[in-house]
Amino acid sequence: MKIAPFLTAMLLAGSALAETTEKIFAGDAFMHHYDSNKDGSISLEEFQAPAARQFEAMDTNTDGSISKEEATDFVERLRSEMRENNTTQ
């Protein structure tokens, strides 16, 4: 489950950069997503922020932990959004 925030970040960053015709490298997508102040480097705070947002989105009952059911619901929502985006493009 530790890889889920990174994969989500890469998917989100990749979709944000998909509109450009320039060759996109993984590092560019990573910087685009994590370097929130656009200073060319990623601080620990910037790196952890997307995971914190994902945690909040997954913890739907706001009890400070993510249950198996909440994780499953979150993944299903992501899958649904991805299917929806694929059909609208």
PDB file of N, CA and C in Angstrom:
ATOM      1  N   MET A   1       0.809  -1.200   0.000  1.00  0.00           N
ATOM      2  CA  MET A   1       0.000   0.000   0.000  1.00  0.00           C
ATOM      3  C   MET A   1       0.852   1.264   0.000  1.00  0.00           C
ATOM      4  N   LYS A   2       2.128   1.163   0.377  1.00  0.00           N
ATOM      5  CA  LYS A   2       2.990   2.333   0.414  1.00  0.00           C
ATOM      6  C   LYS A   2       3.221   2.925  -0.962  1.00  0.00           C
ATOM      7  N   ILE A   3       3.105   2.135  -1.994  1.00  0.00           N
ATOM      8  CA  ILE A   3       3.347   2.632  -3.342  1.00  0.00           C
ATOM      9  C   ILE A   3       2.136   3.363  -3.907  1.00  0.00           C
ATOM     10  N   ALA A   4       0.960   3.176  -3.315  1.00  0.00           N
ATOM     11  CA  ALA A   4      -0.265   3.784  -3.831  1.00  0.00           C
ATOM     12  C   ALA A   4      -0.181   5.303  -3.935  1.00  0.00           C
ATOM     13  N   PRO A   5       0.318   6.038  -2.924  1.00  0.00           N
ATOM     14  CA  PRO A   5       0.397   7.497  -3.085  1.00  0.00           C
ATOM     15  C   PRO A   5       1.304   7.899  -4.242  1.00  0.00           C
ATOM     16  N   PHE A   6       2.421   7.201  -4.426  1.00  0.00           N
ATOM     17  CA  PHE A   6       3.320   7.527  -5.521  1.00  0.00           C
ATOM     18  C   PHE A   6       2.656   7.270  -6.864  1.00  0.00           C
ATOM     19  N   LEU A   7       1.995   6.123  -7.006  1.00  0.00           N
ATOM     20  CA  LEU A   7       1.332   5.813  -8.264  1.00  0.00           C
ATOM     21  C   LEU A   7       0.215   6.795  -8.557  1.00  0.00           C
ATOM     22  N   THR A   8      -0.540   7.141  -7.544  1.00  0.00           N
ATOM     23  CA  THR A   8      -1.601   8.131  -7.724  1.00  0.00           C
ATOM     24  C   THR A   8      -1.013   9.457  -8.166  1.00  0.00           C
ATOM     25  N   ALA A   9       0.078   9.859  -7.534  1.00  0.00           N
ATOM     26  CA  ALA A   9       0.743  11.111  -7.903  1.00  0.00           C
ATOM     27  C   ALA A   9       1.202  11.081  -9.347  1.00  0.00           C
ATOM     28  N   MET A  10       1.783   9.988  -9.752  1.00  0.00           N
ATOM     29  CA  MET A  10       2.274   9.884 -11.128  1.00  0.00           C
ATOM     30  C   MET A  10       1.119   9.921 -12.123  1.00  0.00           C
ATOM     31  N   LEU A  11       0.010   9.270 -11.799  1.00  0.00           N
ATOM     32  CA  LEU A  11      -1.150   9.308 -12.674  1.00  0.00           C
ATOM     33  C   LEU A  11      -1.698  10.720 -12.789  1.00  0.00           C
ATOM     34  N   LEU A  12      -1.806  11.388 -11.661  1.00  0.00           N
ATOM     35  CA  LEU A  12      -2.329  12.751 -11.674  1.00  0.00           C
ATOM     36  C   LEU A  12      -1.391  13.697 -12.395  1.00  0.00           C
ATOM     37  N   ALA A  13      -0.104  13.596 -12.129  1.00  0.00           N
ATOM     38  CA  ALA A  13       0.865  14.464 -12.784  1.00  0.00           C
ATOM     39  C   ALA A  13       0.906  14.184 -14.275  1.00  0.00           C
ATOM     40  N   GLY A  14       0.856  12.926 -14.639  1.00  0.00           N
ATOM     41  CA  GLY A  14       0.894  12.572 -16.050  1.00  0.00           C
ATOM     42  C   GLY A  14      -0.308  13.105 -16.798  1.00  0.00           C
ATOM     43  N   SER A  15      -1.474  13.052 -16.193  1.00  0.00           N
ATOM     44  CA  SER A  15      -2.660  13.573 -16.865  1.00  0.00           C
ATOM     45  C   SER A  15      -2.611  15.089 -16.969  1.00  0.00           C
ATOM     46  N   ALA A  16      -2.002  15.750 -15.994  1.00  0.00           N
ATOM     47  CA  ALA A  16      -1.877  17.206 -16.049  1.00  0.00           C
ATOM     48  C   ALA A  16      -0.909  17.641 -17.137  1.00  0.00           C
ATOM     49  N   LEU A  17       0.090  16.827 -17.408  1.00  0.00           N
ATOM     50  CA  LEU A  17       1.094  17.163 -18.409  1.00  0.00           C
ATOM     51  C   LEU A  17       0.780  16.589 -19.784  1.00  0.00           C
ATOM     52  N   ALA A  18      -0.248  15.802 -19.904  1.00  0.00           N
ATOM     53  CA  ALA A  18      -0.547  15.100 -21.147  1.00  0.00           C
ATOM     54  C   ALA A  18      -0.902  16.038 -22.290  1.00  0.00           C
ATOM     55  N   GLU A  19      -1.270  17.272 -21.992  1.00  0.00           N
ATOM     56  CA  GLU A  19      -1.697  18.188 -23.026  1.00  0.00           C
ATOM     57  C   GLU A  19      -0.540  18.820 -23.794  1.00  0.00           C
ATOM     58  N   THR A  20       0.682  18.657 -23.338  1.00  0.00           N
ATOM     59  CA  THR A  20       1.837  19.238 -23.999  1.00  0.00           C
ATOM     60  C   THR A  20       2.379  18.282 -25.062  1.00  0.00           C
ATOM     61  N   THR A  21       2.992  18.842 -26.107  1.00  0.00           N
ATOM     62  CA  THR A  21       3.553  18.011 -27.168  1.00  0.00           C
ATOM     63  C   THR A  21       5.018  17.693 -26.920  1.00  0.00           C
ATOM     64  N   GLU A  22       5.638  18.302 -25.904  1.00  0.00           N
ATOM     65  CA  GLU A  22       7.032  18.038 -25.596  1.00  0.00           C
ATOM     66  C   GLU A  22       7.183  16.665 -24.954  1.00  0.00           C
ATOM     67  N   LYS A  23       8.383  16.073 -25.145  1.00  0.00           N
ATOM     68  CA  LYS A  23       8.659  14.784 -24.514  1.00  0.00           C
ATOM     69  C   LYS A  23       8.705  14.985 -23.008  1.00  0.00           C
ATOM     70  N   ILE A  24       7.949  14.183 -22.290  1.00  0.00           N
ATOM     71  CA  ILE A  24       7.864  14.292 -20.840  1.00  0.00           C
ATOM     72  C   ILE A  24       8.672  13.166 -20.203  1.00  0.00           C
ATOM     73  N   PHE A  25       9.539  13.534 -19.288  1.00  0.00           N
ATOM     74  CA  PHE A  25      10.313  12.555 -18.552  1.00  0.00           C
ATOM     75  C   PHE A  25       9.675  12.363 -17.185  1.00  0.00           C
ATOM     76  N   ALA A  26       9.904  11.201 -16.586  1.00  0.00           N
ATOM     77  CA  ALA A  26       9.312  10.890 -15.283  1.00  0.00           C
ATOM     78  C   ALA A  26       9.667  11.951 -14.255  1.00  0.00           C
ATOM     79  N   GLY A  27      10.898  12.434 -14.276  1.00  0.00           N
ATOM     80  CA  GLY A  27      11.318  13.465 -13.326  1.00  0.00           C
ATOM     81  C   GLY A  27      10.527  14.748 -13.484  1.00  0.00           C
ATOM     82  N   ASP A  28      10.184  15.097 -14.733  1.00  0.00           N
ATOM     83  CA  ASP A  28       9.378  16.295 -14.978  1.00  0.00           C
ATOM     84  C   ASP A  28       7.993  16.155 -14.350  1.00  0.00           C
ATOM     85  N   ALA A  29       7.383  15.002 -14.545  1.00  0.00           N
ATOM     86  CA  ALA A  29       6.051  14.763 -13.973  1.00  0.00           C
ATOM     87  C   ALA A  29       6.120  14.773 -12.455  1.00  0.00           C
ATOM     88  N   PHE A  30       7.169  14.169 -11.922  1.00  0.00           N
ATOM     89  CA  PHE A  30       7.352  14.123 -10.474  1.00  0.00           C
ATOM     90  C   PHE A  30       7.492  15.542  -9.915  1.00  0.00           C
ATOM     91  N   MET A  31       8.340  16.358 -10.547  1.00  0.00           N
ATOM     92  CA  MET A  31       8.533  17.740 -10.098  1.00  0.00           C
ATOM     93  C   MET A  31       7.238  18.540 -10.231  1.00  0.00           C
ATOM     94  N   HIS A  32       6.543  18.350 -11.325  1.00  0.00           N
ATOM     95  CA  HIS A  32       5.294  19.079 -11.556  1.00  0.00           C
ATOM     96  C   HIS A  32       4.300  18.814 -10.428  1.00  0.00           C
ATOM     97  N   HIS A  33       4.251  17.564  -9.991  1.00  0.00           N
ATOM     98  CA  HIS A  33       3.273  17.208  -8.968  1.00  0.00           C
ATOM     99  C   HIS A  33       3.707  17.624  -7.564  1.00  0.00           C
ATOM    100  N   TYR A  34       4.972  17.436  -7.230  1.00  0.00           N
ATOM    101  CA  TYR A  34       5.417  17.633  -5.852  1.00  0.00           C
ATOM    102  C   TYR A  34       5.992  19.019  -5.554  1.00  0.00           C
ATOM    103  N   ASP A  35       6.615  19.673  -6.511  1.00  0.00           N
ATOM    104  CA  ASP A  35       7.273  20.960  -6.263  1.00  0.00           C
ATOM    105  C   ASP A  35       6.227  22.077  -6.268  1.00  0.00           C
ATOM    106  N   SER A  36       5.456  22.154  -5.195  1.00  0.00           N
ATOM    107  CA  SER A  36       4.306  23.060  -5.160  1.00  0.00           C
ATOM    108  C   SER A  36       4.689  24.538  -5.209  1.00  0.00           C
ATOM    109  N   ASN A  37       5.865  24.900  -4.709  1.00  0.00           N
ATOM    110  CA  ASN A  37       6.270  26.313  -4.774  1.00  0.00           C
ATOM    111  C   ASN A  37       7.132  26.604  -5.997  1.00  0.00           C
ATOM    112  N   LYS A  38       7.344  25.601  -6.831  1.00  0.00           N
ATOM    113  CA  LYS A  38       8.057  25.727  -8.116  1.00  0.00           C
ATOM    114  C   LYS A  38       9.450  26.323  -7.969  1.00  0.00           C
ATOM    115  N   ASP A  39      10.171  25.901  -6.912  1.00  0.00           N
ATOM    116  CA  ASP A  39      11.530  26.405  -6.713  1.00  0.00           C
ATOM    117  C   ASP A  39      12.588  25.458  -7.269  1.00  0.00           C
ATOM    118  N   GLY A  40      12.166  24.386  -7.933  1.00  0.00           N
ATOM    119  CA  GLY A  40      13.099  23.459  -8.550  1.00  0.00           C
ATOM    120  C   GLY A  40      13.578  22.346  -7.641  1.00  0.00           C
ATOM    121  N   SER A  41      13.086  22.285  -6.419  1.00  0.00           N
ATOM    122  CA  SER A  41      13.425  21.187  -5.517  1.00  0.00           C
ATOM    123  C   SER A  41      12.200  20.839  -4.685  1.00  0.00           C
ATOM    124  N   ILE A  42      12.231  19.637  -4.131  1.00  0.00           N
ATOM    125  CA  ILE A  42      11.086  19.136  -3.368  1.00  0.00           C
ATOM    126  C   ILE A  42      11.497  18.978  -1.912  1.00  0.00           C
ATOM    127  N   SER A  43      10.813  19.709  -1.050  1.00  0.00           N
ATOM    128  CA  SER A  43      11.069  19.597   0.387  1.00  0.00           C
ATOM    129  C   SER A  43      10.310  18.388   0.937  1.00  0.00           C
ATOM    130  N   LEU A  44      10.656  17.988   2.143  1.00  0.00           N
ATOM    131  CA  LEU A  44       9.945  16.887   2.788  1.00  0.00           C
ATOM    132  C   LEU A  44       8.461  17.229   2.920  1.00  0.00           C
ATOM    133  N   GLU A  45       8.166  18.463   3.276  1.00  0.00           N
ATOM    134  CA  GLU A  45       6.770  18.893   3.411  1.00  0.00           C
ATOM    135  C   GLU A  45       6.028  18.768   2.081  1.00  0.00           C
ATOM    136  N   GLU A  46       6.656  19.213   0.997  1.00  0.00           N
ATOM    137  CA  GLU A  46       6.023  19.101  -0.322  1.00  0.00           C
ATOM    138  C   GLU A  46       5.824  17.635  -0.701  1.00  0.00           C
ATOM    139  N   PHE A  47       6.798  16.799  -0.367  1.00  0.00           N
ATOM    140  CA  PHE A  47       6.721  15.383  -0.696  1.00  0.00           C
ATOM    141  C   PHE A  47       5.601  14.690   0.072  1.00  0.00           C
ATOM    142  N   GLN A  48       5.400  15.072   1.320  1.00  0.00           N
ATOM    143  CA  GLN A  48       4.397  14.418   2.160  1.00  0.00           C
ATOM    144  C   GLN A  48       2.987  14.962   1.938  1.00  0.00           C
ATOM    145  N   ALA A  49       2.852  16.165   1.412  1.00  0.00           N
ATOM    146  CA  ALA A  49       1.535  16.798   1.277  1.00  0.00           C
ATOM    147  C   ALA A  49       0.543  15.969   0.454  1.00  0.00           C
ATOM    148  N   PRO A  50       0.919  15.434  -0.720  1.00  0.00           N
ATOM    149  CA  PRO A  50      -0.058  14.629  -1.470  1.00  0.00           C
ATOM    150  C   PRO A  50      -0.513  13.383  -0.708  1.00  0.00           C
ATOM    151  N   ALA A  51       0.402  12.770   0.036  1.00  0.00           N
ATOM    152  CA  ALA A  51       0.020  11.587   0.828  1.00  0.00           C
ATOM    153  C   ALA A  51      -0.969  11.979   1.920  1.00  0.00           C
ATOM    154  N   ALA A  52      -0.759  13.139   2.527  1.00  0.00           N
ATOM    155  CA  ALA A  52      -1.682  13.606   3.568  1.00  0.00           C
ATOM    156  C   ALA A  52      -3.065  13.878   2.972  1.00  0.00           C
ATOM    157  N   ARG A  53      -3.096  14.486   1.779  1.00  0.00           N
ATOM    158  CA  ARG A  53      -4.387  14.736   1.119  1.00  0.00           C
ATOM    159  C   ARG A  53      -5.069  13.421   0.757  1.00  0.00           C
ATOM    160  N   GLN A  54      -4.285  12.452   0.288  1.00  0.00           N
ATOM    161  CA  GLN A  54      -4.855  11.157  -0.062  1.00  0.00           C
ATOM    162  C   GLN A  54      -5.395  10.463   1.183  1.00  0.00           C
ATOM    163  N   PHE A  55      -4.653  10.546   2.276  1.00  0.00           N
ATOM    164  CA  PHE A  55      -5.112   9.942   3.533  1.00  0.00           C
ATOM    165  C   PHE A  55      -6.452  10.545   3.930  1.00  0.00           C
ATOM    166  N   GLU A  56      -6.565  11.863   3.879  1.00  0.00           N
ATOM    167  CA  GLU A  56      -7.824  12.528   4.246  1.00  0.00           C
ATOM    168  C   GLU A  56      -8.964  12.105   3.332  1.00  0.00           C
ATOM    169  N   ALA A  57      -8.669  11.943   2.042  1.00  0.00           N
ATOM    170  CA  ALA A  57      -9.706  11.515   1.099  1.00  0.00           C
ATOM    171  C   ALA A  57     -10.150  10.086   1.368  1.00  0.00           C
ATOM    172  N   MET A  58      -9.221   9.252   1.816  1.00  0.00           N
ATOM    173  CA  MET A  58      -9.544   7.852   2.073  1.00  0.00           C
ATOM    174  C   MET A  58     -10.243   7.648   3.412  1.00  0.00           C
ATOM    175  N   ASP A  59      -9.907   8.455   4.411  1.00  0.00           N
ATOM    176  CA  ASP A  59     -10.466   8.314   5.764  1.00  0.00           C
ATOM    177  C   ASP A  59     -11.836   8.982   5.815  1.00  0.00           C
ATOM    178  N   THR A  60     -12.796   8.356   5.161  1.00  0.00           N
ATOM    179  CA  THR A  60     -14.110   8.976   4.998  1.00  0.00           C
ATOM    180  C   THR A  60     -14.882   9.149   6.294  1.00  0.00           C
ATOM    181  N   ASN A  61     -14.602   8.343   7.301  1.00  0.00           N
ATOM    182  CA  ASN A  61     -15.298   8.517   8.579  1.00  0.00           C
ATOM    183  C   ASN A  61     -14.487   9.373   9.559  1.00  0.00           C
ATOM    184  N   THR A  62     -13.373   9.920   9.108  1.00  0.00           N
ATOM    185  CA  THR A  62     -12.500  10.842   9.859  1.00  0.00           C
ATOM    186  C   THR A  62     -12.131  10.340  11.260  1.00  0.00           C
ATOM    187  N   ASP A  63     -11.827   9.036  11.343  1.00  0.00           N
ATOM    188  CA  ASP A  63     -11.423   8.501  12.648  1.00  0.00           C
ATOM    189  C   ASP A  63      -9.908   8.431  12.806  1.00  0.00           C
ATOM    190  N   GLY A  64      -9.180   8.939  11.826  1.00  0.00           N
ATOM    191  CA  GLY A  64      -7.729   8.966  11.915  1.00  0.00           C
ATOM    192  C   GLY A  64      -7.041   7.705  11.455  1.00  0.00           C
ATOM    193  N   SER A  65      -7.797   6.786  10.886  1.00  0.00           N
ATOM    194  CA  SER A  65      -7.204   5.577  10.323  1.00  0.00           C
ATOM    195  C   SER A  65      -8.003   5.153   9.096  1.00  0.00           C
ATOM    196  N   ILE A  66      -7.362   4.350   8.268  1.00  0.00           N
ATOM    197  CA  ILE A  66      -8.001   3.886   7.040  1.00  0.00           C
ATOM    198  C   ILE A  66      -8.282   2.395   7.182  1.00  0.00           C
ATOM    199  N   SER A  67      -9.542   2.068   7.070  1.00  0.00           N
ATOM    200  CA  SER A  67      -9.940   0.661   7.152  1.00  0.00           C
ATOM    201  C   SER A  67      -9.801   0.007   5.775  1.00  0.00           C
ATOM    202  N   LYS A  68      -9.871  -1.302   5.771  1.00  0.00           N
ATOM    203  CA  LYS A  68      -9.833  -2.047   4.517  1.00  0.00           C
ATOM    204  C   LYS A  68     -10.982  -1.596   3.601  1.00  0.00           C
ATOM    205  N   GLU A  69     -12.133  -1.358   4.178  1.00  0.00           N
ATOM    206  CA  GLU A  69     -13.296  -0.939   3.399  1.00  0.00           C
ATOM    207  C   GLU A  69     -13.084   0.448   2.793  1.00  0.00           C
ATOM    208  N   GLU A  70     -12.517   1.366   3.589  1.00  0.00           N
ATOM    209  CA  GLU A  70     -12.254   2.712   3.068  1.00  0.00           C
ATOM    210  C   GLU A  70     -11.228   2.669   1.937  1.00  0.00           C
ATOM    211  N   ALA A  71     -10.201   1.840   2.088  1.00  0.00           N
ATOM    212  CA  ALA A  71      -9.188   1.697   1.046  1.00  0.00           C
ATOM    213  C   ALA A  71      -9.808   1.122  -0.223  1.00  0.00           C
ATOM    214  N   THR A  72     -10.650   0.115  -0.061  1.00  0.00           N
ATOM    215  CA  THR A  72     -11.314  -0.492  -1.211  1.00  0.00           C
ATOM    216  C   THR A  72     -12.213   0.515  -1.908  1.00  0.00           C
ATOM    217  N   ASP A  73     -12.993   1.265  -1.133  1.00  0.00           N
ATOM    218  CA  ASP A  73     -13.869   2.288  -1.703  1.00  0.00           C
ATOM    219  C   ASP A  73     -13.075   3.338  -2.473  1.00  0.00           C
ATOM    220  N   PHE A  74     -11.928   3.741  -1.919  1.00  0.00           N
ATOM    221  CA  PHE A  74     -11.090   4.752  -2.564  1.00  0.00           C
ATOM    222  C   PHE A  74     -10.568   4.238  -3.905  1.00  0.00           C
ATOM    223  N   VAL A  75     -10.074   3.012  -3.914  1.00  0.00           N
ATOM    224  CA  VAL A  75      -9.549   2.434  -5.155  1.00  0.00           C
ATOM    225  C   VAL A  75     -10.664   2.305  -6.189  1.00  0.00           C
ATOM    226  N   GLU A  76     -11.827   1.912  -5.752  1.00  0.00           N
ATOM    227  CA  GLU A  76     -12.960   1.805  -6.677  1.00  0.00           C
ATOM    228  C   GLU A  76     -13.345   3.172  -7.244  1.00  0.00           C
ATOM    229  N   ARG A  77     -13.299   4.219  -6.413  1.00  0.00           N
ATOM    230  CA  ARG A  77     -13.576   5.576  -6.908  1.00  0.00           C
ATOM    231  C   ARG A  77     -12.544   5.981  -7.954  1.00  0.00           C
ATOM    232  N   LEU A  78     -11.258   5.682  -7.689  1.00  0.00           N
ATOM    233  CA  LEU A  78     -10.203   5.994  -8.667  1.00  0.00           C
ATOM    234  C   LEU A  78     -10.444   5.264  -9.978  1.00  0.00           C
ATOM    235  N   ARG A  79     -10.755   3.980  -9.889  1.00  0.00           N
ATOM    236  CA  ARG A  79     -11.022   3.196 -11.097  1.00  0.00           C
ATOM    237  C   ARG A  79     -12.190   3.769 -11.879  1.00  0.00           C
ATOM    238  N   SER A  80     -13.232   4.145 -11.176  1.00  0.00           N
ATOM    239  CA  SER A  80     -14.405   4.711 -11.817  1.00  0.00           C
ATOM    240  C   SER A  80     -14.063   6.025 -12.518  1.00  0.00           C
ATOM    241  N   GLU A  81     -13.296   6.880 -11.830  1.00  0.00           N
ATOM    242  CA  GLU A  81     -12.886   8.150 -12.428  1.00  0.00           C
ATOM    243  C   GLU A  81     -12.007   7.931 -13.655  1.00  0.00           C
ATOM    244  N   MET A  82     -11.122   6.945 -13.579  1.00  0.00           N
ATOM    245  CA  MET A  82     -10.255   6.656 -14.719  1.00  0.00           C
ATOM    246  C   MET A  82     -11.067   6.148 -15.905  1.00  0.00           C
ATOM    247  N   ARG A  83     -12.034   5.274 -15.637  1.00  0.00           N
ATOM    248  CA  ARG A  83     -12.898   4.790 -16.721  1.00  0.00           C
ATOM    249  C   ARG A  83     -13.692   5.939 -17.316  1.00  0.00           C
ATOM    250  N   GLU A  84     -14.211   6.804 -16.455  1.00  0.00           N
ATOM    251  CA  GLU A  84     -14.993   7.946 -16.918  1.00  0.00           C
ATOM    252  C   GLU A  84     -14.134   8.878 -17.767  1.00  0.00           C
ATOM    253  N   ASN A  85     -12.905   9.142 -17.333  1.00  0.00           N
ATOM    254  CA  ASN A  85     -12.014  10.008 -18.093  1.00  0.00           C
ATOM    255  C   ASN A  85     -11.639   9.393 -19.442  1.00  0.00           C
ATOM    256  N   ASN A  86     -11.484   8.078 -19.476  1.00  0.00           N
ATOM    257  CA  ASN A  86     -11.146   7.412 -20.729  1.00  0.00           C
ATOM    258  C   ASN A  86     -12.281   7.472 -21.729  1.00  0.00           C
ATOM    259  N   THR A  87     -13.513   7.468 -21.253  1.00  0.00           N
ATOM    260  CA  THR A  87     -14.654   7.501 -22.174  1.00  0.00           C
ATOM    261  C   THR A  87     -14.971   8.915 -22.624  1.00  0.00           C
ATOM    262  N   THR A  88     -14.541   9.933 -21.875  1.00  0.00           N
ATOM    263  CA  THR A  88     -14.845  11.321 -22.256  1.00  0.00           C
ATOM    264  C   THR A  88     -13.747  11.945 -23.096  1.00  0.00           C
ATOM    265  N   GLN A  89     -12.644  11.242 -23.285  1.00  0.00           N
ATOM    266  CA  GLN A  89     -11.556  11.826 -24.082  1.00  0.00           C
ATOM    267  C   GLN A  89     -11.579  11.350 -25.495  1.00  0.00           C
TER     268      GLN A  89
END
